[in-house]
Amino acid sequence: MAGIFIEKADRYGLDWRLLPGIAMVESSGGKHCRRNNVFGWNSGRTGFKTVAAGIDFVASRFAHSPIYRGRTSRGILAAYNPARQKYPPKVIRFMEMLEPGPVK
């Protein structure tokens, strides 16, 4: 799915590490997902036809939804799971494992 993650990140102007980082925290990179929802979107209640469709949907929401639009990756993470302060650092750790460097 690496190519799809990168394609969607480029299409929607996201850090290419963000979506895989979230997938790692939410479903161990898809190993423990339900209904092709590797991101735990909508508390895991939403299903997608394919994993690729889920990647596109979530990337699109991050780019276009008023909740996320215009935010940095850190801002998206804070809004994605606002109840857990430890959530953004967990995702950022995976992002930095993919490629070291600052996460904005």
PDB file of N, CA and C in Angstrom:
ATOM      1  N   MET A   1       0.818  -1.197   0.000  1.00  0.00           N
ATOM      2  CA  MET A   1       0.000   0.000   0.000  1.00  0.00           C
ATOM      3  C   MET A   1       0.865   1.266   0.000  1.00  0.00           C
ATOM      4  N   ALA A   2       2.191   1.117   0.054  1.00  0.00           N
ATOM      5  CA  ALA A   2       3.071   2.283   0.157  1.00  0.00           C
ATOM      6  C   ALA A   2       2.819   3.284  -0.962  1.00  0.00           C
ATOM      7  N   GLY A   3       2.684   2.804  -2.171  1.00  0.00           N
ATOM      8  CA  GLY A   3       2.448   3.699  -3.301  1.00  0.00           C
ATOM      9  C   GLY A   3       1.156   4.479  -3.161  1.00  0.00           C
ATOM     10  N   ILE A   4       0.136   3.841  -2.643  1.00  0.00           N
ATOM     11  CA  ILE A   4      -1.154   4.517  -2.459  1.00  0.00           C
ATOM     12  C   ILE A   4      -1.050   5.563  -1.356  1.00  0.00           C
ATOM     13  N   PHE A   5      -0.384   5.217  -0.251  1.00  0.00           N
ATOM     14  CA  PHE A   5      -0.180   6.201   0.811  1.00  0.00           C
ATOM     15  C   PHE A   5       0.528   7.446   0.265  1.00  0.00           C
ATOM     16  N   ILE A   6       1.576   7.245  -0.512  1.00  0.00           N
ATOM     17  CA  ILE A   6       2.341   8.377  -1.040  1.00  0.00           C
ATOM     18  C   ILE A   6       1.528   9.152  -2.064  1.00  0.00           C
ATOM     19  N   GLU A   7       0.846   8.449  -2.944  1.00  0.00           N
ATOM     20  CA  GLU A   7       0.017   9.115  -3.959  1.00  0.00           C
ATOM     21  C   GLU A   7      -1.036  10.016  -3.307  1.00  0.00           C
ATOM     22  N   LYS A   8      -1.706   9.506  -2.300  1.00  0.00           N
ATOM     23  CA  LYS A   8      -2.761  10.286  -1.644  1.00  0.00           C
ATOM     24  C   LYS A   8      -2.180  11.434  -0.835  1.00  0.00           C
ATOM     25  N   ALA A   9      -1.045  11.220  -0.199  1.00  0.00           N
ATOM     26  CA  ALA A   9      -0.398  12.313   0.531  1.00  0.00           C
ATOM     27  C   ALA A   9      -0.024  13.431  -0.436  1.00  0.00           C
ATOM     28  N   ASP A  10       0.521  13.083  -1.583  1.00  0.00           N
ATOM     29  CA  ASP A  10       0.865  14.097  -2.588  1.00  0.00           C
ATOM     30  C   ASP A  10      -0.384  14.801  -3.112  1.00  0.00           C
ATOM     31  N   ARG A  11      -1.416  14.029  -3.415  1.00  0.00           N
ATOM     32  CA  ARG A  11      -2.648  14.611  -3.961  1.00  0.00           C
ATOM     33  C   ARG A  11      -3.277  15.612  -2.993  1.00  0.00           C
ATOM     34  N   TYR A  12      -3.239  15.295  -1.707  1.00  0.00           N
ATOM     35  CA  TYR A  12      -3.923  16.122  -0.717  1.00  0.00           C
ATOM     36  C   TYR A  12      -2.994  17.011   0.108  1.00  0.00           C
ATOM     37  N   GLY A  13      -1.716  17.054  -0.248  1.00  0.00           N
ATOM     38  CA  GLY A  13      -0.786  17.965   0.412  1.00  0.00           C
ATOM     39  C   GLY A  13      -0.472  17.611   1.854  1.00  0.00           C
ATOM     40  N   LEU A  14      -0.333  16.322   2.128  1.00  0.00           N
ATOM     41  CA  LEU A  14      -0.051  15.851   3.485  1.00  0.00           C
ATOM     42  C   LEU A  14       1.383  15.343   3.581  1.00  0.00           C
ATOM     43  N   ASP A  15       1.935  15.367   4.782  1.00  0.00           N
ATOM     44  CA  ASP A  15       3.213  14.705   5.032  1.00  0.00           C
ATOM     45  C   ASP A  15       3.004  13.223   4.705  1.00  0.00           C
ATOM     46  N   TRP A  16       3.860  12.659   3.866  1.00  0.00           N
ATOM     47  CA  TRP A  16       3.653  11.286   3.410  1.00  0.00           C
ATOM     48  C   TRP A  16       3.703  10.272   4.553  1.00  0.00           C
ATOM     49  N   ARG A  17       4.249  10.658   5.685  1.00  0.00           N
ATOM     50  CA  ARG A  17       4.370   9.750   6.820  1.00  0.00           C
ATOM     51  C   ARG A  17       3.132   9.729   7.707  1.00  0.00           C
ATOM     52  N   LEU A  18       2.257  10.731   7.560  1.00  0.00           N
ATOM     53  CA  LEU A  18       1.124  10.882   8.476  1.00  0.00           C
ATOM     54  C   LEU A  18       0.161   9.694   8.437  1.00  0.00           C
ATOM     55  N   LEU A  19      -0.335   9.353   7.279  1.00  0.00           N
ATOM     56  CA  LEU A  19      -1.332   8.276   7.187  1.00  0.00           C
ATOM     57  C   LEU A  19      -0.769   6.921   7.622  1.00  0.00           C
ATOM     58  N   PRO A  20       0.444   6.531   7.166  1.00  0.00           N
ATOM     59  CA  PRO A  20       0.979   5.263   7.679  1.00  0.00           C
ATOM     60  C   PRO A  20       1.217   5.295   9.189  1.00  0.00           C
ATOM     61  N   GLY A  21       1.612   6.454   9.724  1.00  0.00           N
ATOM     62  CA  GLY A  21       1.822   6.573  11.167  1.00  0.00           C
ATOM     63  C   GLY A  21       0.533   6.336  11.939  1.00  0.00           C
ATOM     64  N   ILE A  22      -0.544   6.930  11.463  1.00  0.00           N
ATOM     65  CA  ILE A  22      -1.847   6.718  12.109  1.00  0.00           C
ATOM     66  C   ILE A  22      -2.256   5.245  12.000  1.00  0.00           C
ATOM     67  N   ALA A  23      -2.059   4.665  10.821  1.00  0.00           N
ATOM     68  CA  ALA A  23      -2.423   3.255  10.630  1.00  0.00           C
ATOM     69  C   ALA A  23      -1.640   2.348  11.573  1.00  0.00           C
ATOM     70  N   MET A  24      -0.390   2.674  11.829  1.00  0.00           N
ATOM     71  CA  MET A  24       0.406   1.856  12.752  1.00  0.00           C
ATOM     72  C   MET A  24      -0.163   1.912  14.169  1.00  0.00           C
ATOM     73  N   VAL A  25      -0.553   3.100  14.612  1.00  0.00           N
ATOM     74  CA  VAL A  25      -1.092   3.228  15.967  1.00  0.00           C
ATOM     75  C   VAL A  25      -2.487   2.603  16.065  1.00  0.00           C
ATOM     76  N   GLU A  26      -3.299   2.831  15.075  1.00  0.00           N
ATOM     77  CA  GLU A  26      -4.697   2.398  15.142  1.00  0.00           C
ATOM     78  C   GLU A  26      -4.916   0.909  14.883  1.00  0.00           C
ATOM     79  N   SER A  27      -4.114   0.334  13.974  1.00  0.00           N
ATOM     80  CA  SER A  27      -4.400  -1.061  13.595  1.00  0.00           C
ATOM     81  C   SER A  27      -3.136  -1.897  13.360  1.00  0.00           C
ATOM     82  N   SER A  28      -2.026  -1.462  13.918  1.00  0.00           N
ATOM     83  CA  SER A  28      -0.738  -2.136  13.678  1.00  0.00           C
ATOM     84  C   SER A  28      -0.461  -2.245  12.183  1.00  0.00           C
ATOM     85  N   GLY A  29      -0.709  -1.143  11.487  1.00  0.00           N
ATOM     86  CA  GLY A  29      -0.453  -1.107  10.050  1.00  0.00           C
ATOM     87  C   GLY A  29      -1.442  -1.909   9.231  1.00  0.00           C
ATOM     88  N   GLY A  30      -2.626  -2.082   9.755  1.00  0.00           N
ATOM     89  CA  GLY A  30      -3.673  -2.822   9.051  1.00  0.00           C
ATOM     90  C   GLY A  30      -3.836  -4.258   9.518  1.00  0.00           C
ATOM     91  N   LYS A  31      -2.945  -4.746  10.347  1.00  0.00           N
ATOM     92  CA  LYS A  31      -3.037  -6.134  10.815  1.00  0.00           C
ATOM     93  C   LYS A  31      -4.301  -6.397  11.619  1.00  0.00           C
ATOM     94  N   HIS A  32      -4.768  -5.389  12.330  1.00  0.00           N
ATOM     95  CA  HIS A  32      -5.919  -5.570  13.214  1.00  0.00           C
ATOM     96  C   HIS A  32      -7.063  -4.626  12.854  1.00  0.00           C
ATOM     97  N   CYS A  33      -7.251  -4.399  11.576  1.00  0.00           N
ATOM     98  CA  CYS A  33      -8.339  -3.492  11.173  1.00  0.00           C
ATOM     99  C   CYS A  33      -9.612  -4.282  10.912  1.00  0.00           C
ATOM    100  N   ARG A  34     -10.710  -3.552  10.948  1.00  0.00           N
ATOM    101  CA  ARG A  34     -12.005  -4.133  10.607  1.00  0.00           C
ATOM    102  C   ARG A  34     -12.565  -3.372   9.425  1.00  0.00           C
ATOM    103  N   ARG A  35     -13.162  -4.078   8.513  1.00  0.00           N
ATOM    104  CA  ARG A  35     -13.851  -3.487   7.355  1.00  0.00           C
ATOM    105  C   ARG A  35     -12.955  -2.513   6.573  1.00  0.00           C
ATOM    106  N   ASN A  36     -11.706  -2.882   6.405  1.00  0.00           N
ATOM    107  CA  ASN A  36     -10.743  -2.089   5.617  1.00  0.00           C
ATOM    108  C   ASN A  36     -10.500  -0.700   6.182  1.00  0.00           C
ATOM    109  N   ASN A  37     -10.732  -0.520   7.465  1.00  0.00           N
ATOM    110  CA  ASN A  37     -10.556   0.768   8.132  1.00  0.00           C
ATOM    111  C   ASN A  37      -9.269   0.709   8.962  1.00  0.00           C
ATOM    112  N   VAL A  38      -8.141   0.983   8.314  1.00  0.00           N
ATOM    113  CA  VAL A  38      -6.848   0.880   8.999  1.00  0.00           C
ATOM    114  C   VAL A  38      -6.578   2.047   9.936  1.00  0.00           C
ATOM    115  N   PHE A  39      -7.429   3.086   9.880  1.00  0.00           N
ATOM    116  CA  PHE A  39      -7.222   4.305  10.667  1.00  0.00           C
ATOM    117  C   PHE A  39      -8.111   4.404  11.904  1.00  0.00           C
ATOM    118  N   GLY A  40      -9.006   3.458  12.091  1.00  0.00           N
ATOM    119  CA  GLY A  40      -9.941   3.579  13.199  1.00  0.00           C
ATOM    120  C   GLY A  40     -10.905   4.740  13.017  1.00  0.00           C
ATOM    121  N   TRP A  41     -11.109   5.162  11.769  1.00  0.00           N
ATOM    122  CA  TRP A  41     -11.980   6.302  11.473  1.00  0.00           C
ATOM    123  C   TRP A  41     -13.362   6.068  12.060  1.00  0.00           C
ATOM    124  N   ASN A  42     -13.913   7.110  12.676  1.00  0.00           N
ATOM    125  CA  ASN A  42     -15.245   7.041  13.286  1.00  0.00           C
ATOM    126  C   ASN A  42     -15.285   5.943  14.354  1.00  0.00           C
ATOM    127  N   SER A  43     -14.248   5.919  15.160  1.00  0.00           N
ATOM    128  CA  SER A  43     -14.112   4.911  16.225  1.00  0.00           C
ATOM    129  C   SER A  43     -14.224   3.487  15.685  1.00  0.00           C
ATOM    130  N   GLY A  44     -13.791   3.298  14.443  1.00  0.00           N
ATOM    131  CA  GLY A  44     -13.797   1.979  13.821  1.00  0.00           C
ATOM    132  C   GLY A  44     -15.136   1.540  13.270  1.00  0.00           C
ATOM    133  N   ARG A  45     -16.144   2.397  13.362  1.00  0.00           N
ATOM    134  CA  ARG A  45     -17.482   2.015  12.901  1.00  0.00           C
ATOM    135  C   ARG A  45     -17.652   2.119  11.392  1.00  0.00           C
ATOM    136  N   THR A  46     -16.828   2.929  10.747  1.00  0.00           N
ATOM    137  CA  THR A  46     -16.941   3.120   9.307  1.00  0.00           C
ATOM    138  C   THR A  46     -16.188   2.015   8.587  1.00  0.00           C
ATOM    139  N   GLY A  47     -16.806   1.461   7.577  1.00  0.00           N
ATOM    140  CA  GLY A  47     -16.153   0.474   6.730  1.00  0.00           C
ATOM    141  C   GLY A  47     -15.902   1.067   5.353  1.00  0.00           C
ATOM    142  N   PHE A  48     -14.894   0.557   4.677  1.00  0.00           N
ATOM    143  CA  PHE A  48     -14.559   1.009   3.324  1.00  0.00           C
ATOM    144  C   PHE A  48     -14.538  -0.196   2.402  1.00  0.00           C
ATOM    145  N   LYS A  49     -14.839   0.033   1.133  1.00  0.00           N
ATOM    146  CA  LYS A  49     -14.865  -1.056   0.161  1.00  0.00           C
ATOM    147  C   LYS A  49     -13.503  -1.731   0.069  1.00  0.00           C
ATOM    148  N   THR A  50     -12.442  -0.920   0.098  1.00  0.00           N
ATOM    149  CA  THR A  50     -11.070  -1.426   0.059  1.00  0.00           C
ATOM    150  C   THR A  50     -10.214  -0.582   0.999  1.00  0.00           C
ATOM    151  N   VAL A  51      -9.037  -1.074   1.326  1.00  0.00           N
ATOM    152  CA  VAL A  51      -8.105  -0.275   2.123  1.00  0.00           C
ATOM    153  C   VAL A  51      -7.739   0.992   1.352  1.00  0.00           C
ATOM    154  N   ALA A  52      -7.521   0.866   0.045  1.00  0.00           N
ATOM    155  CA  ALA A  52      -7.181   2.035  -0.775  1.00  0.00           C
ATOM    156  C   ALA A  52      -8.287   3.091  -0.720  1.00  0.00           C
ATOM    157  N   ALA A  53      -9.534   2.670  -0.725  1.00  0.00           N
ATOM    158  CA  ALA A  53     -10.649   3.616  -0.626  1.00  0.00           C
ATOM    159  C   ALA A  53     -10.629   4.322   0.723  1.00  0.00           C
ATOM    160  N   GLY A  54     -10.286   3.597   1.767  1.00  0.00           N
ATOM    161  CA  GLY A  54     -10.177   4.197   3.097  1.00  0.00           C
ATOM    162  C   GLY A  54      -9.048   5.206   3.166  1.00  0.00           C
ATOM    163  N   ILE A  55      -7.925   4.891   2.554  1.00  0.00           N
ATOM    164  CA  ILE A  55      -6.801   5.827   2.522  1.00  0.00           C
ATOM    165  C   ILE A  55      -7.210   7.105   1.820  1.00  0.00           C
ATOM    166  N   ASP A  56      -7.864   6.969   0.684  1.00  0.00           N
ATOM    167  CA  ASP A  56      -8.308   8.149  -0.055  1.00  0.00           C
ATOM    168  C   ASP A  56      -9.307   8.965   0.754  1.00  0.00           C
ATOM    169  N   PHE A  57     -10.258   8.299   1.368  1.00  0.00           N
ATOM    170  CA  PHE A  57     -11.284   9.000   2.145  1.00  0.00           C
ATOM    171  C   PHE A  57     -10.662   9.809   3.272  1.00  0.00           C
ATOM    172  N   VAL A  58      -9.806   9.179   4.069  1.00  0.00           N
ATOM    173  CA  VAL A  58      -9.218   9.865   5.221  1.00  0.00           C
ATOM    174  C   VAL A  58      -8.300  10.997   4.763  1.00  0.00           C
ATOM    175  N   ALA A  59      -7.493  10.765   3.748  1.00  0.00           N
ATOM    176  CA  ALA A  59      -6.622  11.824   3.228  1.00  0.00           C
ATOM    177  C   ALA A  59      -7.452  13.008   2.736  1.00  0.00           C
ATOM    178  N   SER A  60      -8.536  12.720   2.053  1.00  0.00           N
ATOM    179  CA  SER A  60      -9.420  13.778   1.556  1.00  0.00           C
ATOM    180  C   SER A  60     -10.041  14.568   2.703  1.00  0.00           C
ATOM    181  N   ARG A  61     -10.461  13.871   3.737  1.00  0.00           N
ATOM    182  CA  ARG A  61     -11.042  14.558   4.903  1.00  0.00           C
ATOM    183  C   ARG A  61     -10.005  15.458   5.566  1.00  0.00           C
ATOM    184  N   PHE A  62      -8.775  14.976   5.691  1.00  0.00           N
ATOM    185  CA  PHE A  62      -7.722  15.803   6.290  1.00  0.00           C
ATOM    186  C   PHE A  62      -7.480  17.063   5.467  1.00  0.00           C
ATOM    187  N   ALA A  63      -7.628  16.966   4.159  1.00  0.00           N
ATOM    188  CA  ALA A  63      -7.379  18.115   3.285  1.00  0.00           C
ATOM    189  C   ALA A  63      -8.570  19.065   3.193  1.00  0.00           C
ATOM    190  N   HIS A  64      -9.793  18.535   3.283  1.00  0.00           N
ATOM    191  CA  HIS A  64     -10.973  19.351   2.962  1.00  0.00           C
ATOM    192  C   HIS A  64     -11.922  19.635   4.110  1.00  0.00           C
ATOM    193  N   SER A  65     -11.940  18.818   5.133  1.00  0.00           N
ATOM    194  CA  SER A  65     -12.869  19.031   6.236  1.00  0.00           C
ATOM    195  C   SER A  65     -12.462  20.265   7.042  1.00  0.00           C
ATOM    196  N   PRO A  66     -13.424  21.087   7.451  1.00  0.00           N
ATOM    197  CA  PRO A  66     -13.088  22.251   8.280  1.00  0.00           C
ATOM    198  C   PRO A  66     -12.407  21.865   9.598  1.00  0.00           C
ATOM    199  N   ILE A  67     -12.602  20.643  10.041  1.00  0.00           N
ATOM    200  CA  ILE A  67     -11.967  20.188  11.281  1.00  0.00           C
ATOM    201  C   ILE A  67     -10.452  20.092  11.114  1.00  0.00           C
ATOM    202  N   TYR A  68      -9.996  19.698   9.928  1.00  0.00           N
ATOM    203  CA  TYR A  68      -8.581  19.417   9.703  1.00  0.00           C
ATOM    204  C   TYR A  68      -7.900  20.363   8.712  1.00  0.00           C
ATOM    205  N   ARG A  69      -8.646  20.910   7.778  1.00  0.00           N
ATOM    206  CA  ARG A  69      -8.088  21.702   6.674  1.00  0.00           C
ATOM    207  C   ARG A  69      -7.155  22.803   7.184  1.00  0.00           C
ATOM    208  N   GLY A  70      -5.985  22.904   6.571  1.00  0.00           N
ATOM    209  CA  GLY A  70      -5.042  23.961   6.895  1.00  0.00           C
ATOM    210  C   GLY A  70      -4.184  23.693   8.119  1.00  0.00           C
ATOM    211  N   ARG A  71      -4.365  22.564   8.760  1.00  0.00           N
ATOM    212  CA  ARG A  71      -3.573  22.234   9.954  1.00  0.00           C
ATOM    213  C   ARG A  71      -2.290  21.524   9.557  1.00  0.00           C
ATOM    214  N   THR A  72      -1.297  21.650  10.412  1.00  0.00           N
ATOM    215  CA  THR A  72      -0.084  20.858  10.273  1.00  0.00           C
ATOM    216  C   THR A  72      -0.399  19.415  10.643  1.00  0.00           C
ATOM    217  N   SER A  73       0.570  18.540  10.440  1.00  0.00           N
ATOM    218  CA  SER A  73       0.376  17.138  10.857  1.00  0.00           C
ATOM    219  C   SER A  73       0.092  17.060  12.347  1.00  0.00           C
ATOM    220  N   ARG A  74       0.815  17.839  13.137  1.00  0.00           N
ATOM    221  CA  ARG A  74       0.574  17.835  14.588  1.00  0.00           C
ATOM    222  C   ARG A  74      -0.842  18.327  14.902  1.00  0.00           C
ATOM    223  N   GLY A  75      -1.284  19.328  14.187  1.00  0.00           N
ATOM    224  CA  GLY A  75      -2.643  19.842  14.388  1.00  0.00           C
ATOM    225  C   GLY A  75      -3.702  18.827  13.998  1.00  0.00           C
ATOM    226  N   ILE A  76      -3.454  18.124  12.898  1.00  0.00           N
ATOM    227  CA  ILE A  76      -4.381  17.071  12.477  1.00  0.00           C
ATOM    228  C   ILE A  76      -4.457  15.994  13.559  1.00  0.00           C
ATOM    229  N   LEU A  77      -3.317  15.592  14.075  1.00  0.00           N
ATOM    230  CA  LEU A  77      -3.299  14.543  15.101  1.00  0.00           C
ATOM    231  C   LEU A  77      -4.017  14.973  16.374  1.00  0.00           C
ATOM    232  N   ALA A  78      -3.841  16.225  16.760  1.00  0.00           N
ATOM    233  CA  ALA A  78      -4.522  16.723  17.959  1.00  0.00           C
ATOM    234  C   ALA A  78      -6.034  16.724  17.766  1.00  0.00           C
ATOM    235  N   ALA A  79      -6.490  17.040  16.556  1.00  0.00           N
ATOM    236  CA  ALA A  79      -7.922  17.054  16.271  1.00  0.00           C
ATOM    237  C   ALA A  79      -8.464  15.636  16.047  1.00  0.00           C
ATOM    238  N   TYR A  80      -7.636  14.750  15.524  1.00  0.00           N
ATOM    239  CA  TYR A  80      -8.066  13.390  15.197  1.00  0.00           C
ATOM    240  C   TYR A  80      -8.416  12.604  16.453  1.00  0.00           C
ATOM    241  N   ASN A  81      -7.655  12.810  17.491  1.00  0.00           N
ATOM    242  CA  ASN A  81      -7.914  12.094  18.739  1.00  0.00           C
ATOM    243  C   ASN A  81      -7.706  13.061  19.902  1.00  0.00           C
ATOM    244  N   PRO A  82      -8.626  14.020  20.077  1.00  0.00           N
ATOM    245  CA  PRO A  82      -8.422  15.070  21.077  1.00  0.00           C
ATOM    246  C   PRO A  82      -8.491  14.600  22.525  1.00  0.00           C
ATOM    247  N   ALA A  83      -9.042  13.426  22.763  1.00  0.00           N
ATOM    248  CA  ALA A  83      -9.194  12.947  24.138  1.00  0.00           C
ATOM    249  C   ALA A  83      -7.897  12.379  24.709  1.00  0.00           C
ATOM    250  N   ARG A  84      -6.935  12.071  23.849  1.00  0.00           N
ATOM    251  CA  ARG A  84      -5.703  11.425  24.315  1.00  0.00           C
ATOM    252  C   ARG A  84      -4.489  12.275  23.977  1.00  0.00           C
ATOM    253  N   GLN A  85      -3.916  12.923  24.965  1.00  0.00           N
ATOM    254  CA  GLN A  85      -2.741  13.762  24.755  1.00  0.00           C
ATOM    255  C   GLN A  85      -1.536  12.954  24.297  1.00  0.00           C
ATOM    256  N   LYS A  86      -1.485  11.692  24.636  1.00  0.00           N
ATOM    257  CA  LYS A  86      -0.347  10.857  24.257  1.00  0.00           C
ATOM    258  C   LYS A  86      -0.459  10.337  22.825  1.00  0.00           C
ATOM    259  N   TYR A  87      -1.584  10.606  22.162  1.00  0.00           N
ATOM    260  CA  TYR A  87      -1.793  10.095  20.808  1.00  0.00           C
ATOM    261  C   TYR A  87      -0.817  10.704  19.802  1.00  0.00           C
ATOM    262  N   PRO A  88      -0.730  12.031  19.695  1.00  0.00           N
ATOM    263  CA  PRO A  88       0.198  12.590  18.696  1.00  0.00           C
ATOM    264  C   PRO A  88       1.634  12.086  18.839  1.00  0.00           C
ATOM    265  N   PRO A  89       2.218  12.034  20.041  1.00  0.00           N
ATOM    266  CA  PRO A  89       3.598  11.526  20.125  1.00  0.00           C
ATOM    267  C   PRO A  89       3.754  10.080  19.647  1.00  0.00           C
ATOM    268  N   LYS A  90       2.726   9.256  19.852  1.00  0.00           N
ATOM    269  CA  LYS A  90       2.801   7.867  19.380  1.00  0.00           C
ATOM    270  C   LYS A  90       2.876   7.820  17.861  1.00  0.00           C
ATOM    271  N   VAL A  91       2.013   8.586  17.200  1.00  0.00           N
ATOM    272  CA  VAL A  91       2.008   8.611  15.738  1.00  0.00           C
ATOM    273  C   VAL A  91       3.309   9.227  15.229  1.00  0.00           C
ATOM    274  N   ILE A  92       3.734  10.305  15.850  1.00  0.00           N
ATOM    275  CA  ILE A  92       4.964  10.980  15.422  1.00  0.00           C
ATOM    276  C   ILE A  92       6.161  10.045  15.526  1.00  0.00           C
ATOM    277  N   ARG A  93       6.186   9.217  16.542  1.00  0.00           N
ATOM    278  CA  ARG A  93       7.284   8.249  16.675  1.00  0.00           C
ATOM    279  C   ARG A  93       7.348   7.338  15.453  1.00  0.00           C
ATOM    280  N   PHE A  94       6.200   6.848  14.990  1.00  0.00           N
ATOM    281  CA  PHE A  94       6.186   6.010  13.790  1.00  0.00           C
ATOM    282  C   PHE A  94       6.563   6.820  12.555  1.00  0.00           C
ATOM    283  N   MET A  95       6.095   8.055  12.469  1.00  0.00           N
ATOM    284  CA  MET A  95       6.446   8.900  11.338  1.00  0.00           C
ATOM    285  C   MET A  95       7.961   9.080  11.251  1.00  0.00           C
ATOM    286  N   GLU A  96       8.588   9.319  12.385  1.00  0.00           N
ATOM    287  CA  GLU A  96      10.032   9.528  12.402  1.00  0.00           C
ATOM    288  C   GLU A  96      10.805   8.234  12.153  1.00  0.00           C
ATOM    289  N   MET A  97      10.189   7.092  12.412  1.00  0.00           N
ATOM    290  CA  MET A  97      10.831   5.816  12.067  1.00  0.00           C
ATOM    291  C   MET A  97      10.862   5.637  10.547  1.00  0.00           C
ATOM    292  N   LEU A  98       9.822   6.116   9.872  1.00  0.00           N
ATOM    293  CA  LEU A  98       9.780   6.022   8.419  1.00  0.00           C
ATOM    294  C   LEU A  98      10.839   6.901   7.767  1.00  0.00           C
ATOM    295  N   GLU A  99      10.975   8.104   8.299  1.00  0.00           N
ATOM    296  CA  GLU A  99      12.011   9.023   7.832  1.00  0.00           C
ATOM    297  C   GLU A  99      12.277  10.031   8.928  1.00  0.00           C
ATOM    298  N   PRO A 100      13.480   9.987   9.483  1.00  0.00           N
ATOM    299  CA  PRO A 100      13.803  10.970  10.520  1.00  0.00           C
ATOM    300  C   PRO A 100      13.678  12.389   9.987  1.00  0.00           C
ATOM    301  N   GLY A 101      13.246  13.241  10.834  1.00  0.00           N
ATOM    302  CA  GLY A 101      13.097  14.648  10.466  1.00  0.00           C
ATOM    303  C   GLY A 101      11.933  15.250  11.194  1.00  0.00           C
ATOM    304  N   PRO A 102      11.895  16.561  11.193  1.00  0.00           N
ATOM    305  CA  PRO A 102      10.838  17.238  11.946  1.00  0.00           C
ATOM    306  C   PRO A 102       9.448  16.947  11.395  1.00  0.00           C
ATOM    307  N   VAL A 103       8.520  16.821  12.310  1.00  0.00           N
ATOM    308  CA  VAL A 103       7.112  16.686  11.959  1.00  0.00           C
ATOM    309  C   VAL A 103       6.454  18.001  12.349  1.00  0.00           C
ATOM    310  N   LYS A 104       5.911  18.663  11.367  1.00  0.00           N
ATOM    311  CA  LYS A 104       5.273  19.954  11.618  1.00  0.00           C
ATOM    312  C   LYS A 104       3.827  19.791  11.970  1.00  0.00           C
TER     313      LYS A 104
END
